[in-house]
Amino acid sequence: MFYSKKNECMKVRIVYLFLLSLIVVGCSTSRNTYFSRKYHDLTAYYNVYFNGRESLKQASKKAEAIESQNFDEILPVFAFEYEQVAGLVSGEMQRTIDKGDKTVTKHSITVKPKRKKNMTREQREFYNKKEFNRFVDDAHLITGKAHAYMHEYAVAEEKFTFITTEYPKETSAYEAQAFLAIVLAQDKQYVKAEDLLVSLTRKKILPERSNL
């Protein structure tokens, strides 16, 4: 009886490990299935991205609470332009950058799904996407904003440019284009900044989720 119970426990463990291995393999970013996409959407949002976005919100509120004591100077349009902001929010913004980078490295899915025959236009558009995790472009956006708040404008410019190039049809591209113009203005590239803003205002329809 003792050996039979022990054997049963061993069988249960083997089955459990087998099922666990199937889940791990099935959820790998090297596979692009409905299940793997949903798994990485869910874990990217709740395990990583959400925390990074909340940290960004907290730091933004802290920066907006700054009041200039020098009334002889022109007040900055954006809160992150204050000189003291970079040091004030560095902790929160570094957390945002870490969480954003982790979202990309751990949950990005770029491998193509299995190609279907006689695909519809929507299916072709989906197949031709460069990224299949719907929070990766948002992760790039919050890291770009965090770098801007830390006055790391060159890195922020690189991030925003990447978003507008790689994800032109996503909501994040509109915000990235606006923030790119702001960052370019900090570097006194006013002509490029103006061109971007003019281009943005000419777009007839902005996504509902846009903060513009």
N, C-alpha and C. Protein backbone atom coordinates (compact mmCIF):
# COMPACT_ATOMS: atom_id res chain seq x y z
N MET A 1 0.83 -1.20 0.00
CA MET A 1 0.00 0.00 0.00
C MET A 1 0.86 1.25 0.00
N PHE A 2 1.94 1.22 0.81
CA PHE A 2 2.83 2.37 0.91
C PHE A 2 3.46 2.68 -0.43
N TYR A 3 3.93 1.63 -1.15
CA TYR A 3 4.57 1.83 -2.43
C TYR A 3 3.59 2.30 -3.49
N SER A 4 2.35 1.81 -3.43
CA SER A 4 1.35 2.22 -4.42
C SER A 4 1.03 3.71 -4.27
N LYS A 5 0.93 4.20 -3.01
CA LYS A 5 0.67 5.61 -2.78
C LYS A 5 1.85 6.46 -3.27
N LYS A 6 3.05 5.93 -3.01
CA LYS A 6 4.24 6.66 -3.45
C LYS A 6 4.30 6.74 -4.97
N ASN A 7 3.92 5.64 -5.62
CA ASN A 7 3.91 5.63 -7.08
C ASN A 7 2.87 6.59 -7.63
N GLU A 8 1.72 6.66 -6.96
CA GLU A 8 0.66 7.57 -7.40
C GLU A 8 1.13 9.02 -7.29
N CYS A 9 1.81 9.34 -6.20
CA CYS A 9 2.33 10.70 -6.01
C CYS A 9 3.34 11.05 -7.10
N MET A 10 4.18 10.05 -7.44
CA MET A 10 5.17 10.29 -8.48
C MET A 10 4.49 10.54 -9.82
N LYS A 11 3.43 9.80 -10.10
CA LYS A 11 2.69 9.98 -11.36
C LYS A 11 2.06 11.36 -11.42
N VAL A 12 1.50 11.80 -10.29
CA VAL A 12 0.87 13.12 -10.24
C VAL A 12 1.90 14.21 -10.49
N ARG A 13 3.07 14.04 -9.87
CA ARG A 13 4.14 15.02 -10.06
C ARG A 13 4.60 15.08 -11.50
N ILE A 14 4.72 13.92 -12.12
CA ILE A 14 5.17 13.87 -13.52
C ILE A 14 4.15 14.56 -14.43
N VAL A 15 2.88 14.26 -14.20
CA VAL A 15 1.81 14.90 -14.99
C VAL A 15 1.82 16.41 -14.77
N TYR A 16 1.99 16.82 -13.51
CA TYR A 16 2.02 18.24 -13.18
C TYR A 16 3.19 18.94 -13.90
N LEU A 17 4.38 18.34 -13.84
CA LEU A 17 5.55 18.92 -14.49
C LEU A 17 5.38 18.96 -16.00
N PHE A 18 4.74 17.93 -16.54
CA PHE A 18 4.49 17.88 -17.99
C PHE A 18 3.56 19.02 -18.42
N LEU A 19 2.47 19.20 -17.66
CA LEU A 19 1.52 20.28 -17.98
C LEU A 19 2.17 21.64 -17.81
N LEU A 20 2.99 21.77 -16.77
CA LEU A 20 3.69 23.03 -16.54
C LEU A 20 4.63 23.35 -17.68
N SER A 21 5.33 22.34 -18.16
CA SER A 21 6.26 22.55 -19.28
C SER A 21 5.51 22.95 -20.54
N LEU A 22 4.31 22.39 -20.74
CA LEU A 22 3.50 22.76 -21.90
C LEU A 22 3.08 24.23 -21.82
N ILE A 23 2.71 24.67 -20.61
CA ILE A 23 2.30 26.05 -20.42
C ILE A 23 3.46 27.00 -20.69
N VAL A 24 4.64 26.64 -20.15
CA VAL A 24 5.82 27.48 -20.33
C VAL A 24 6.18 27.60 -21.80
N VAL A 25 6.20 26.47 -22.50
CA VAL A 25 6.54 26.47 -23.93
C VAL A 25 5.48 27.22 -24.72
N GLY A 26 4.20 26.97 -24.37
CA GLY A 26 3.10 27.61 -25.08
C GLY A 26 3.08 29.11 -24.90
N CYS A 27 3.60 29.60 -23.76
CA CYS A 27 3.60 31.02 -23.46
C CYS A 27 4.91 31.70 -23.81
N SER A 28 5.80 31.00 -24.47
CA SER A 28 7.08 31.57 -24.85
C SER A 28 6.88 32.68 -25.88
N THR A 29 7.71 33.72 -25.82
CA THR A 29 7.61 34.81 -26.81
C THR A 29 8.12 34.37 -28.18
N SER A 30 8.70 33.17 -28.25
CA SER A 30 9.15 32.64 -29.54
C SER A 30 8.00 31.99 -30.30
N ARG A 31 6.83 31.94 -29.67
CA ARG A 31 5.62 31.40 -30.31
C ARG A 31 4.57 32.50 -30.37
N ASN A 32 3.82 32.53 -31.46
CA ASN A 32 2.78 33.54 -31.62
C ASN A 32 1.45 32.84 -31.87
N THR A 33 0.75 32.55 -30.78
CA THR A 33 -0.57 31.94 -30.84
C THR A 33 -1.54 32.82 -30.06
N TYR A 34 -2.80 32.54 -30.20
CA TYR A 34 -3.81 33.31 -29.45
C TYR A 34 -3.52 33.22 -27.96
N PHE A 35 -3.19 32.02 -27.49
CA PHE A 35 -2.94 31.81 -26.07
C PHE A 35 -1.69 32.57 -25.60
N SER A 36 -0.62 32.49 -26.38
CA SER A 36 0.62 33.18 -25.97
C SER A 36 0.44 34.69 -25.98
N ARG A 37 -0.31 35.22 -26.95
CA ARG A 37 -0.55 36.67 -27.01
C ARG A 37 -1.35 37.13 -25.79
N LYS A 38 -2.39 36.41 -25.46
CA LYS A 38 -3.22 36.79 -24.31
C LYS A 38 -2.43 36.68 -23.01
N TYR A 39 -1.62 35.65 -22.91
CA TYR A 39 -0.82 35.45 -21.70
C TYR A 39 0.14 36.62 -21.49
N HIS A 40 0.85 37.01 -22.55
CA HIS A 40 1.83 38.07 -22.42
C HIS A 40 1.18 39.46 -22.33
N ASP A 41 0.01 39.63 -22.94
CA ASP A 41 -0.73 40.88 -22.74
C ASP A 41 -1.08 41.04 -21.26
N LEU A 42 -1.59 39.96 -20.69
CA LEU A 42 -2.04 39.98 -19.29
C LEU A 42 -0.88 40.19 -18.33
N THR A 43 0.16 39.39 -18.48
CA THR A 43 1.29 39.48 -17.55
C THR A 43 2.09 40.78 -17.75
N ALA A 44 2.19 41.25 -18.99
CA ALA A 44 2.90 42.50 -19.24
C ALA A 44 2.19 43.66 -18.56
N TYR A 45 0.86 43.68 -18.65
CA TYR A 45 0.11 44.79 -18.08
C TYR A 45 0.13 44.78 -16.56
N TYR A 46 -0.28 43.66 -15.95
CA TYR A 46 -0.46 43.62 -14.51
C TYR A 46 0.84 43.40 -13.74
N ASN A 47 1.81 42.72 -14.32
CA ASN A 47 3.05 42.43 -13.59
C ASN A 47 4.10 43.53 -13.74
N VAL A 48 4.05 44.28 -14.86
CA VAL A 48 5.14 45.21 -15.11
C VAL A 48 4.63 46.61 -15.52
N TYR A 49 3.97 46.67 -16.67
CA TYR A 49 3.62 47.97 -17.26
C TYR A 49 2.79 48.84 -16.34
N PHE A 50 1.79 48.27 -15.69
CA PHE A 50 0.90 49.04 -14.81
C PHE A 50 1.69 49.78 -13.74
N ASN A 51 2.64 49.09 -13.11
CA ASN A 51 3.45 49.70 -12.05
C ASN A 51 4.31 50.84 -12.59
N GLY A 52 4.85 50.66 -13.78
CA GLY A 52 5.66 51.71 -14.38
C GLY A 52 4.83 52.93 -14.72
N ARG A 53 3.63 52.70 -15.23
CA ARG A 53 2.74 53.82 -15.58
C ARG A 53 2.30 54.58 -14.33
N GLU A 54 2.00 53.86 -13.25
CA GLU A 54 1.58 54.51 -12.01
C GLU A 54 2.72 55.34 -11.42
N SER A 55 3.93 54.83 -11.52
CA SER A 55 5.09 55.57 -11.03
C SER A 55 5.27 56.87 -11.82
N LEU A 56 5.02 56.79 -13.12
CA LEU A 56 5.09 57.98 -13.97
C LEU A 56 4.05 59.01 -13.56
N LYS A 57 2.83 58.55 -13.27
CA LYS A 57 1.76 59.45 -12.84
C LYS A 57 2.12 60.15 -11.53
N GLN A 58 2.65 59.41 -10.59
CA GLN A 58 3.02 59.98 -9.29
C GLN A 58 4.10 61.05 -9.47
N ALA A 59 5.10 60.75 -10.29
CA ALA A 59 6.19 61.69 -10.51
C ALA A 59 5.68 62.94 -11.24
N SER A 60 4.76 62.76 -12.18
CA SER A 60 4.21 63.89 -12.92
C SER A 60 3.48 64.85 -11.99
N LYS A 61 2.69 64.30 -11.05
CA LYS A 61 1.98 65.14 -10.09
C LYS A 61 2.96 65.90 -9.19
N LYS A 62 4.05 65.23 -8.82
CA LYS A 62 5.06 65.87 -7.98
C LYS A 62 5.71 67.03 -8.74
N ALA A 63 5.97 66.83 -10.03
CA ALA A 63 6.59 67.87 -10.84
C ALA A 63 5.64 69.05 -11.04
N GLU A 64 4.36 68.76 -11.23
CA GLU A 64 3.37 69.81 -11.46
C GLU A 64 3.13 70.67 -10.22
N ALA A 65 3.50 70.14 -9.05
CA ALA A 65 3.29 70.88 -7.80
C ALA A 65 4.37 71.93 -7.56
N ILE A 66 5.41 71.91 -8.40
CA ILE A 66 6.48 72.89 -8.25
C ILE A 66 5.97 74.28 -8.61
N GLU A 67 6.27 75.25 -7.80
CA GLU A 67 5.90 76.65 -8.07
C GLU A 67 7.17 77.48 -8.19
N SER A 68 7.27 78.22 -9.25
CA SER A 68 8.45 79.05 -9.46
C SER A 68 8.48 80.19 -8.45
N GLN A 69 9.65 80.42 -7.89
CA GLN A 69 9.81 81.51 -6.92
C GLN A 69 10.38 82.76 -7.57
N ASN A 70 10.78 82.62 -8.83
CA ASN A 70 11.36 83.76 -9.54
C ASN A 70 10.31 84.29 -10.53
N PHE A 71 9.64 85.37 -10.17
CA PHE A 71 8.56 85.88 -11.00
C PHE A 71 9.07 86.79 -12.11
N ASP A 72 10.40 86.98 -12.20
CA ASP A 72 10.98 87.78 -13.28
C ASP A 72 11.25 86.93 -14.52
N GLU A 73 11.16 85.59 -14.35
CA GLU A 73 11.42 84.69 -15.46
C GLU A 73 10.10 84.20 -16.06
N ILE A 74 10.17 83.83 -17.34
CA ILE A 74 9.01 83.26 -18.02
C ILE A 74 8.79 81.84 -17.50
N LEU A 75 7.59 81.56 -17.08
CA LEU A 75 7.29 80.23 -16.55
C LEU A 75 7.32 79.20 -17.67
N PRO A 76 7.85 78.03 -17.40
CA PRO A 76 7.88 76.98 -18.43
C PRO A 76 6.47 76.47 -18.73
N VAL A 77 6.28 76.03 -19.95
CA VAL A 77 4.97 75.52 -20.35
C VAL A 77 4.72 74.14 -19.75
N PHE A 78 5.76 73.34 -19.70
CA PHE A 78 5.63 71.96 -19.22
C PHE A 78 6.38 71.79 -17.91
N ALA A 79 5.80 71.02 -17.00
CA ALA A 79 6.36 70.86 -15.66
C ALA A 79 7.78 70.30 -15.68
N PHE A 80 8.08 69.41 -16.61
CA PHE A 80 9.40 68.78 -16.59
C PHE A 80 10.52 69.73 -17.01
N GLU A 81 10.15 70.92 -17.47
CA GLU A 81 11.16 71.88 -17.88
C GLU A 81 11.88 72.53 -16.69
N TYR A 82 11.24 72.51 -15.52
CA TYR A 82 11.89 73.08 -14.34
C TYR A 82 13.22 72.37 -14.09
N GLU A 83 14.23 73.15 -13.76
CA GLU A 83 15.58 72.60 -13.58
C GLU A 83 15.63 71.55 -12.47
N GLN A 84 14.86 71.76 -11.38
CA GLN A 84 14.94 70.87 -10.23
C GLN A 84 14.13 69.59 -10.40
N VAL A 85 13.36 69.48 -11.46
CA VAL A 85 12.49 68.31 -11.64
C VAL A 85 13.29 67.02 -11.78
N ALA A 86 14.36 67.06 -12.56
CA ALA A 86 15.14 65.84 -12.83
C ALA A 86 15.55 65.13 -11.54
N GLY A 87 16.04 65.89 -10.58
CA GLY A 87 16.45 65.28 -9.31
C GLY A 87 15.28 64.93 -8.43
N LEU A 88 14.22 65.72 -8.52
CA LEU A 88 13.05 65.51 -7.66
C LEU A 88 12.32 64.20 -7.96
N VAL A 89 12.25 63.83 -9.22
CA VAL A 89 11.46 62.65 -9.60
C VAL A 89 12.32 61.51 -10.12
N SER A 90 13.61 61.57 -9.90
CA SER A 90 14.52 60.56 -10.46
C SER A 90 14.19 59.14 -10.01
N GLY A 91 13.79 58.98 -8.74
CA GLY A 91 13.46 57.64 -8.23
C GLY A 91 12.27 57.03 -8.94
N GLU A 92 11.19 57.80 -9.03
CA GLU A 92 9.98 57.30 -9.69
C GLU A 92 10.22 57.07 -11.17
N MET A 93 10.96 57.99 -11.80
CA MET A 93 11.18 57.86 -13.23
C MET A 93 12.11 56.69 -13.57
N GLN A 94 13.07 56.42 -12.70
CA GLN A 94 13.93 55.27 -12.94
C GLN A 94 13.12 53.98 -12.82
N ARG A 95 12.18 53.96 -11.90
CA ARG A 95 11.30 52.79 -11.77
C ARG A 95 10.46 52.63 -13.03
N THR A 96 9.96 53.74 -13.56
CA THR A 96 9.19 53.69 -14.80
C THR A 96 10.03 53.14 -15.94
N ILE A 97 11.26 53.61 -16.05
CA ILE A 97 12.15 53.13 -17.11
C ILE A 97 12.43 51.63 -16.95
N ASP A 98 12.69 51.21 -15.72
CA ASP A 98 12.97 49.78 -15.47
C ASP A 98 11.78 48.92 -15.83
N LYS A 99 10.58 49.35 -15.43
CA LYS A 99 9.38 48.57 -15.72
C LYS A 99 9.06 48.58 -17.21
N GLY A 100 9.27 49.71 -17.84
CA GLY A 100 9.03 49.79 -19.28
C GLY A 100 9.97 48.89 -20.06
N ASP A 101 11.25 48.94 -19.70
CA ASP A 101 12.24 48.09 -20.38
C ASP A 101 11.94 46.61 -20.14
N LYS A 102 11.50 46.27 -18.94
CA LYS A 102 11.19 44.88 -18.63
C LYS A 102 9.98 44.39 -19.42
N THR A 103 9.01 45.27 -19.61
CA THR A 103 7.85 44.92 -20.42
C THR A 103 8.28 44.51 -21.82
N VAL A 104 9.21 45.28 -22.38
CA VAL A 104 9.69 45.01 -23.74
C VAL A 104 10.52 43.74 -23.80
N THR A 105 11.48 43.60 -22.89
CA THR A 105 12.41 42.47 -22.96
C THR A 105 11.75 41.14 -22.61
N LYS A 106 10.78 41.16 -21.70
CA LYS A 106 10.16 39.92 -21.23
C LYS A 106 8.90 39.52 -22.01
N HIS A 107 8.23 40.51 -22.61
CA HIS A 107 6.90 40.20 -23.15
C HIS A 107 6.69 40.59 -24.61
N SER A 108 7.71 41.11 -25.27
CA SER A 108 7.56 41.46 -26.67
C SER A 108 7.45 40.21 -27.54
N ILE A 109 6.48 40.22 -28.45
CA ILE A 109 6.30 39.11 -29.40
C ILE A 109 6.42 39.67 -30.81
N THR A 110 7.50 39.32 -31.49
CA THR A 110 7.72 39.83 -32.84
C THR A 110 7.67 38.72 -33.90
N VAL A 111 7.69 37.48 -33.46
CA VAL A 111 7.60 36.37 -34.41
C VAL A 111 6.20 36.35 -35.02
N LYS A 112 6.12 36.00 -36.30
CA LYS A 112 4.84 36.00 -37.00
C LYS A 112 3.97 34.82 -36.57
N PRO A 113 2.64 35.01 -36.56
CA PRO A 113 1.75 33.87 -36.28
C PRO A 113 1.69 32.95 -37.50
N LYS A 114 1.06 31.83 -37.34
CA LYS A 114 0.92 30.89 -38.45
C LYS A 114 0.10 31.53 -39.56
N ARG A 115 0.62 31.50 -40.76
CA ARG A 115 -0.05 32.15 -41.90
C ARG A 115 -1.26 31.34 -42.35
N LYS A 116 -2.36 32.05 -42.56
CA LYS A 116 -3.58 31.40 -43.02
C LYS A 116 -3.75 31.58 -44.52
N LYS A 117 -4.49 30.67 -45.12
CA LYS A 117 -4.79 30.80 -46.54
C LYS A 117 -5.97 31.74 -46.74
N ASN A 118 -5.95 32.46 -47.87
CA ASN A 118 -7.05 33.36 -48.23
C ASN A 118 -7.40 34.32 -47.08
N MET A 119 -6.41 35.02 -46.60
CA MET A 119 -6.62 35.93 -45.48
C MET A 119 -7.43 37.16 -45.91
N THR A 120 -8.22 37.66 -45.00
CA THR A 120 -8.97 38.89 -45.23
C THR A 120 -8.02 40.08 -45.08
N ARG A 121 -8.48 41.28 -45.40
CA ARG A 121 -7.65 42.46 -45.28
C ARG A 121 -7.21 42.68 -43.84
N GLU A 122 -8.16 42.48 -42.89
CA GLU A 122 -7.84 42.64 -41.47
C GLU A 122 -6.81 41.62 -41.02
N GLN A 123 -6.94 40.38 -41.52
CA GLN A 123 -5.99 39.33 -41.15
C GLN A 123 -4.60 39.62 -41.71
N ARG A 124 -4.54 40.18 -42.92
CA ARG A 124 -3.24 40.54 -43.52
C ARG A 124 -2.58 41.67 -42.72
N GLU A 125 -3.39 42.65 -42.34
CA GLU A 125 -2.86 43.76 -41.55
C GLU A 125 -2.31 43.26 -40.22
N PHE A 126 -3.03 42.33 -39.61
CA PHE A 126 -2.57 41.76 -38.35
C PHE A 126 -1.28 40.98 -38.56
N TYR A 127 -1.22 40.19 -39.61
CA TYR A 127 -0.04 39.37 -39.88
C TYR A 127 1.20 40.23 -40.14
N ASN A 128 1.01 41.38 -40.75
CA ASN A 128 2.12 42.25 -41.12
C ASN A 128 2.59 43.16 -39.98
N LYS A 129 1.97 43.06 -38.82
CA LYS A 129 2.39 43.87 -37.68
C LYS A 129 3.82 43.52 -37.27
N LYS A 130 4.51 44.50 -36.67
CA LYS A 130 5.87 44.25 -36.19
C LYS A 130 5.88 43.79 -34.74
N GLU A 131 4.82 44.11 -34.01
CA GLU A 131 4.74 43.76 -32.60
C GLU A 131 3.34 43.22 -32.30
N PHE A 132 3.27 42.11 -31.54
CA PHE A 132 1.98 41.47 -31.28
C PHE A 132 1.57 41.53 -29.81
N ASN A 133 2.35 42.21 -28.98
CA ASN A 133 1.92 42.49 -27.62
C ASN A 133 1.45 43.94 -27.59
N ARG A 134 0.21 44.16 -27.24
CA ARG A 134 -0.38 45.49 -27.39
C ARG A 134 0.08 46.50 -26.35
N PHE A 135 0.94 46.10 -25.40
CA PHE A 135 1.43 47.04 -24.40
C PHE A 135 2.90 47.42 -24.60
N VAL A 136 3.55 46.83 -25.59
CA VAL A 136 4.97 47.12 -25.80
C VAL A 136 5.19 48.54 -26.29
N ASP A 137 4.36 49.01 -27.24
CA ASP A 137 4.53 50.39 -27.71
C ASP A 137 4.24 51.39 -26.58
N ASP A 138 3.26 51.07 -25.71
CA ASP A 138 2.98 51.93 -24.56
C ASP A 138 4.14 51.93 -23.58
N ALA A 139 4.83 50.80 -23.47
CA ALA A 139 6.00 50.71 -22.59
C ALA A 139 7.11 51.62 -23.10
N HIS A 140 7.33 51.63 -24.41
CA HIS A 140 8.32 52.54 -25.00
C HIS A 140 7.93 53.99 -24.73
N LEU A 141 6.62 54.27 -24.77
CA LEU A 141 6.15 55.65 -24.57
C LEU A 141 6.41 56.15 -23.15
N ILE A 142 6.12 55.32 -22.15
CA ILE A 142 6.33 55.79 -20.77
C ILE A 142 7.81 55.92 -20.45
N THR A 143 8.64 55.08 -21.05
CA THR A 143 10.08 55.22 -20.82
C THR A 143 10.60 56.50 -21.49
N GLY A 144 10.07 56.82 -22.66
CA GLY A 144 10.45 58.06 -23.32
C GLY A 144 10.07 59.28 -22.49
N LYS A 145 8.86 59.26 -21.93
CA LYS A 145 8.42 60.36 -21.07
C LYS A 145 9.30 60.47 -19.83
N ALA A 146 9.64 59.33 -19.25
CA ALA A 146 10.48 59.32 -18.04
C ALA A 146 11.84 59.94 -18.33
N HIS A 147 12.42 59.61 -19.48
CA HIS A 147 13.71 60.19 -19.84
C HIS A 147 13.58 61.70 -20.04
N ALA A 148 12.45 62.15 -20.58
CA ALA A 148 12.23 63.58 -20.76
C ALA A 148 12.18 64.30 -19.41
N TYR A 149 11.48 63.70 -18.43
CA TYR A 149 11.39 64.29 -17.11
C TYR A 149 12.75 64.34 -16.41
N MET A 150 13.61 63.40 -16.76
CA MET A 150 14.95 63.38 -16.17
C MET A 150 15.94 64.21 -16.99
N HIS A 151 15.40 64.96 -17.99
CA HIS A 151 16.19 65.84 -18.84
C HIS A 151 17.22 65.07 -19.68
N GLU A 152 16.93 63.82 -19.93
CA GLU A 152 17.77 63.01 -20.83
C GLU A 152 17.13 63.08 -22.21
N TYR A 153 17.22 64.26 -22.81
CA TYR A 153 16.45 64.55 -24.01
C TYR A 153 16.88 63.74 -25.23
N ALA A 154 18.16 63.44 -25.34
CA ALA A 154 18.63 62.66 -26.49
C ALA A 154 18.03 61.26 -26.49
N VAL A 155 17.98 60.64 -25.30
CA VAL A 155 17.39 59.30 -25.18
C VAL A 155 15.89 59.37 -25.42
N ALA A 156 15.24 60.40 -24.88
CA ALA A 156 13.79 60.57 -25.07
C ALA A 156 13.47 60.75 -26.55
N GLU A 157 14.27 61.57 -27.23
CA GLU A 157 14.07 61.78 -28.67
C GLU A 157 14.17 60.47 -29.43
N GLU A 158 15.14 59.66 -29.05
CA GLU A 158 15.33 58.36 -29.71
C GLU A 158 14.12 57.46 -29.50
N LYS A 159 13.59 57.47 -28.28
CA LYS A 159 12.42 56.63 -27.97
C LYS A 159 11.20 57.08 -28.76
N PHE A 160 10.92 58.38 -28.75
CA PHE A 160 9.74 58.89 -29.43
C PHE A 160 9.83 58.71 -30.94
N THR A 161 11.02 58.88 -31.48
CA THR A 161 11.23 58.65 -32.92
C THR A 161 10.98 57.19 -33.27
N PHE A 162 11.47 56.29 -32.41
CA PHE A 162 11.27 54.85 -32.63
C PHE A 162 9.79 54.50 -32.67
N ILE A 163 9.01 55.07 -31.76
CA ILE A 163 7.57 54.78 -31.70
C ILE A 163 6.87 55.26 -32.96
N THR A 164 7.16 56.49 -33.38
CA THR A 164 6.49 57.03 -34.57
C THR A 164 6.86 56.26 -35.84
N THR A 165 8.05 55.67 -35.83
CA THR A 165 8.51 54.90 -37.00
C THR A 165 7.98 53.48 -37.00
N GLU A 166 8.03 52.83 -35.84
CA GLU A 166 7.69 51.42 -35.75
C GLU A 166 6.19 51.17 -35.55
N TYR A 167 5.49 52.10 -34.91
CA TYR A 167 4.07 51.89 -34.61
C TYR A 167 3.22 53.07 -35.09
N PRO A 168 3.29 53.42 -36.38
CA PRO A 168 2.61 54.62 -36.88
C PRO A 168 1.09 54.58 -36.76
N LYS A 169 0.51 53.40 -36.67
CA LYS A 169 -0.95 53.29 -36.62
C LYS A 169 -1.49 53.15 -35.19
N GLU A 170 -0.59 53.10 -34.21
CA GLU A 170 -1.02 52.95 -32.83
C GLU A 170 -1.26 54.31 -32.18
N THR A 171 -2.10 54.32 -31.15
CA THR A 171 -2.38 55.56 -30.42
C THR A 171 -1.11 56.18 -29.87
N SER A 172 -0.19 55.35 -29.44
CA SER A 172 1.05 55.85 -28.85
C SER A 172 1.84 56.73 -29.81
N ALA A 173 1.68 56.51 -31.11
CA ALA A 173 2.43 57.29 -32.10
C ALA A 173 2.04 58.76 -32.07
N TYR A 174 0.77 59.05 -31.79
CA TYR A 174 0.31 60.44 -31.74
C TYR A 174 0.94 61.17 -30.54
N GLU A 175 0.90 60.51 -29.39
CA GLU A 175 1.52 61.11 -28.20
C GLU A 175 3.02 61.23 -28.38
N ALA A 176 3.63 60.21 -28.98
CA ALA A 176 5.07 60.23 -29.19
C ALA A 176 5.47 61.38 -30.10
N GLN A 177 4.66 61.64 -31.12
CA GLN A 177 4.96 62.73 -32.04
C GLN A 177 4.88 64.08 -31.33
N ALA A 178 3.87 64.24 -30.47
CA ALA A 178 3.72 65.49 -29.71
C ALA A 178 4.89 65.68 -28.74
N PHE A 179 5.25 64.62 -28.02
CA PHE A 179 6.35 64.71 -27.07
C PHE A 179 7.69 64.88 -27.78
N LEU A 180 7.81 64.31 -28.96
CA LEU A 180 9.03 64.48 -29.73
C LEU A 180 9.21 65.96 -30.09
N ALA A 181 8.13 66.62 -30.46
CA ALA A 181 8.18 68.04 -30.78
C ALA A 181 8.61 68.85 -29.56
N ILE A 182 8.08 68.48 -28.40
CA ILE A 182 8.43 69.18 -27.15
C ILE A 182 9.90 69.01 -26.82
N VAL A 183 10.38 67.77 -26.98
CA VAL A 183 11.79 67.47 -26.68
C VAL A 183 12.71 68.21 -27.66
N LEU A 184 12.33 68.24 -28.93
CA LEU A 184 13.14 68.95 -29.92
C LEU A 184 13.22 70.44 -29.60
N ALA A 185 12.12 70.98 -29.08
CA ALA A 185 12.10 72.39 -28.71
C ALA A 185 13.07 72.66 -27.56
N GLN A 186 13.22 71.69 -26.65
CA GLN A 186 14.17 71.86 -25.55
C GLN A 186 15.60 71.97 -26.08
N ASP A 187 15.82 71.31 -27.21
CA ASP A 187 17.15 71.33 -27.84
C ASP A 187 17.26 72.46 -28.87
N LYS A 188 16.26 73.37 -28.85
CA LYS A 188 16.21 74.54 -29.74
C LYS A 188 16.09 74.16 -31.22
N GLN A 189 15.55 72.97 -31.49
CA GLN A 189 15.29 72.57 -32.87
C GLN A 189 13.84 72.96 -33.20
N TYR A 190 13.60 74.25 -33.25
CA TYR A 190 12.25 74.78 -33.34
C TYR A 190 11.56 74.48 -34.68
N VAL A 191 12.31 74.48 -35.76
CA VAL A 191 11.71 74.23 -37.07
C VAL A 191 11.17 72.80 -37.14
N LYS A 192 11.98 71.84 -36.70
CA LYS A 192 11.54 70.44 -36.70
C LYS A 192 10.35 70.25 -35.77
N ALA A 193 10.39 70.90 -34.62
CA ALA A 193 9.30 70.79 -33.65
C ALA A 193 8.00 71.34 -34.24
N GLU A 194 8.10 72.48 -34.90
CA GLU A 194 6.91 73.09 -35.51
C GLU A 194 6.34 72.22 -36.61
N ASP A 195 7.21 71.64 -37.43
CA ASP A 195 6.76 70.76 -38.51
C ASP A 195 5.99 69.56 -37.97
N LEU A 196 6.48 69.00 -36.87
CA LEU A 196 5.81 67.85 -36.26
C LEU A 196 4.43 68.23 -35.73
N LEU A 197 4.34 69.38 -35.07
CA LEU A 197 3.06 69.81 -34.50
C LEU A 197 2.06 70.16 -35.60
N VAL A 198 2.54 70.79 -36.66
CA VAL A 198 1.66 71.11 -37.79
C VAL A 198 1.13 69.83 -38.42
N SER A 199 2.02 68.86 -38.59
CA SER A 199 1.62 67.57 -39.14
C SER A 199 0.58 66.89 -38.26
N LEU A 200 0.75 67.01 -36.96
CA LEU A 200 -0.17 66.38 -36.02
C LEU A 200 -1.54 67.03 -36.07
N THR A 201 -1.59 68.35 -36.17
CA THR A 201 -2.87 69.05 -36.19
C THR A 201 -3.63 68.82 -37.49
N ARG A 202 -2.92 68.41 -38.52
CA ARG A 202 -3.57 68.16 -39.81
C ARG A 202 -4.24 66.79 -39.86
N LYS A 203 -3.94 65.97 -38.91
CA LYS A 203 -4.60 64.66 -38.86
C LYS A 203 -6.06 64.87 -38.51
N LYS A 204 -6.94 64.37 -39.33
CA LYS A 204 -8.37 64.63 -39.17
C LYS A 204 -8.97 63.91 -37.97
N ILE A 205 -8.45 62.73 -37.69
CA ILE A 205 -9.04 61.94 -36.61
C ILE A 205 -7.94 61.51 -35.65
N LEU A 206 -8.08 61.87 -34.39
CA LEU A 206 -7.17 61.40 -33.35
C LEU A 206 -7.86 60.31 -32.56
N PRO A 207 -7.14 59.26 -32.18
CA PRO A 207 -7.75 58.18 -31.39
C PRO A 207 -8.36 58.71 -30.09
N GLU A 208 -9.41 58.07 -29.64
CA GLU A 208 -10.11 58.51 -28.42
C GLU A 208 -9.20 58.46 -27.21
N ARG A 209 -8.25 57.52 -27.18
CA ARG A 209 -7.39 57.32 -26.01
C ARG A 209 -6.26 58.32 -25.97
N SER A 210 -6.10 59.14 -27.01
CA SER A 210 -5.01 60.09 -27.03
C SER A 210 -5.20 61.16 -25.96
N ASN A 211 -4.10 61.58 -25.35
CA ASN A 211 -4.15 62.62 -24.32
C ASN A 211 -3.98 64.02 -24.90
N LEU A 212 -3.95 64.15 -26.24
CA LEU A 212 -3.72 65.46 -26.85
C LEU A 212 -4.97 66.32 -26.73
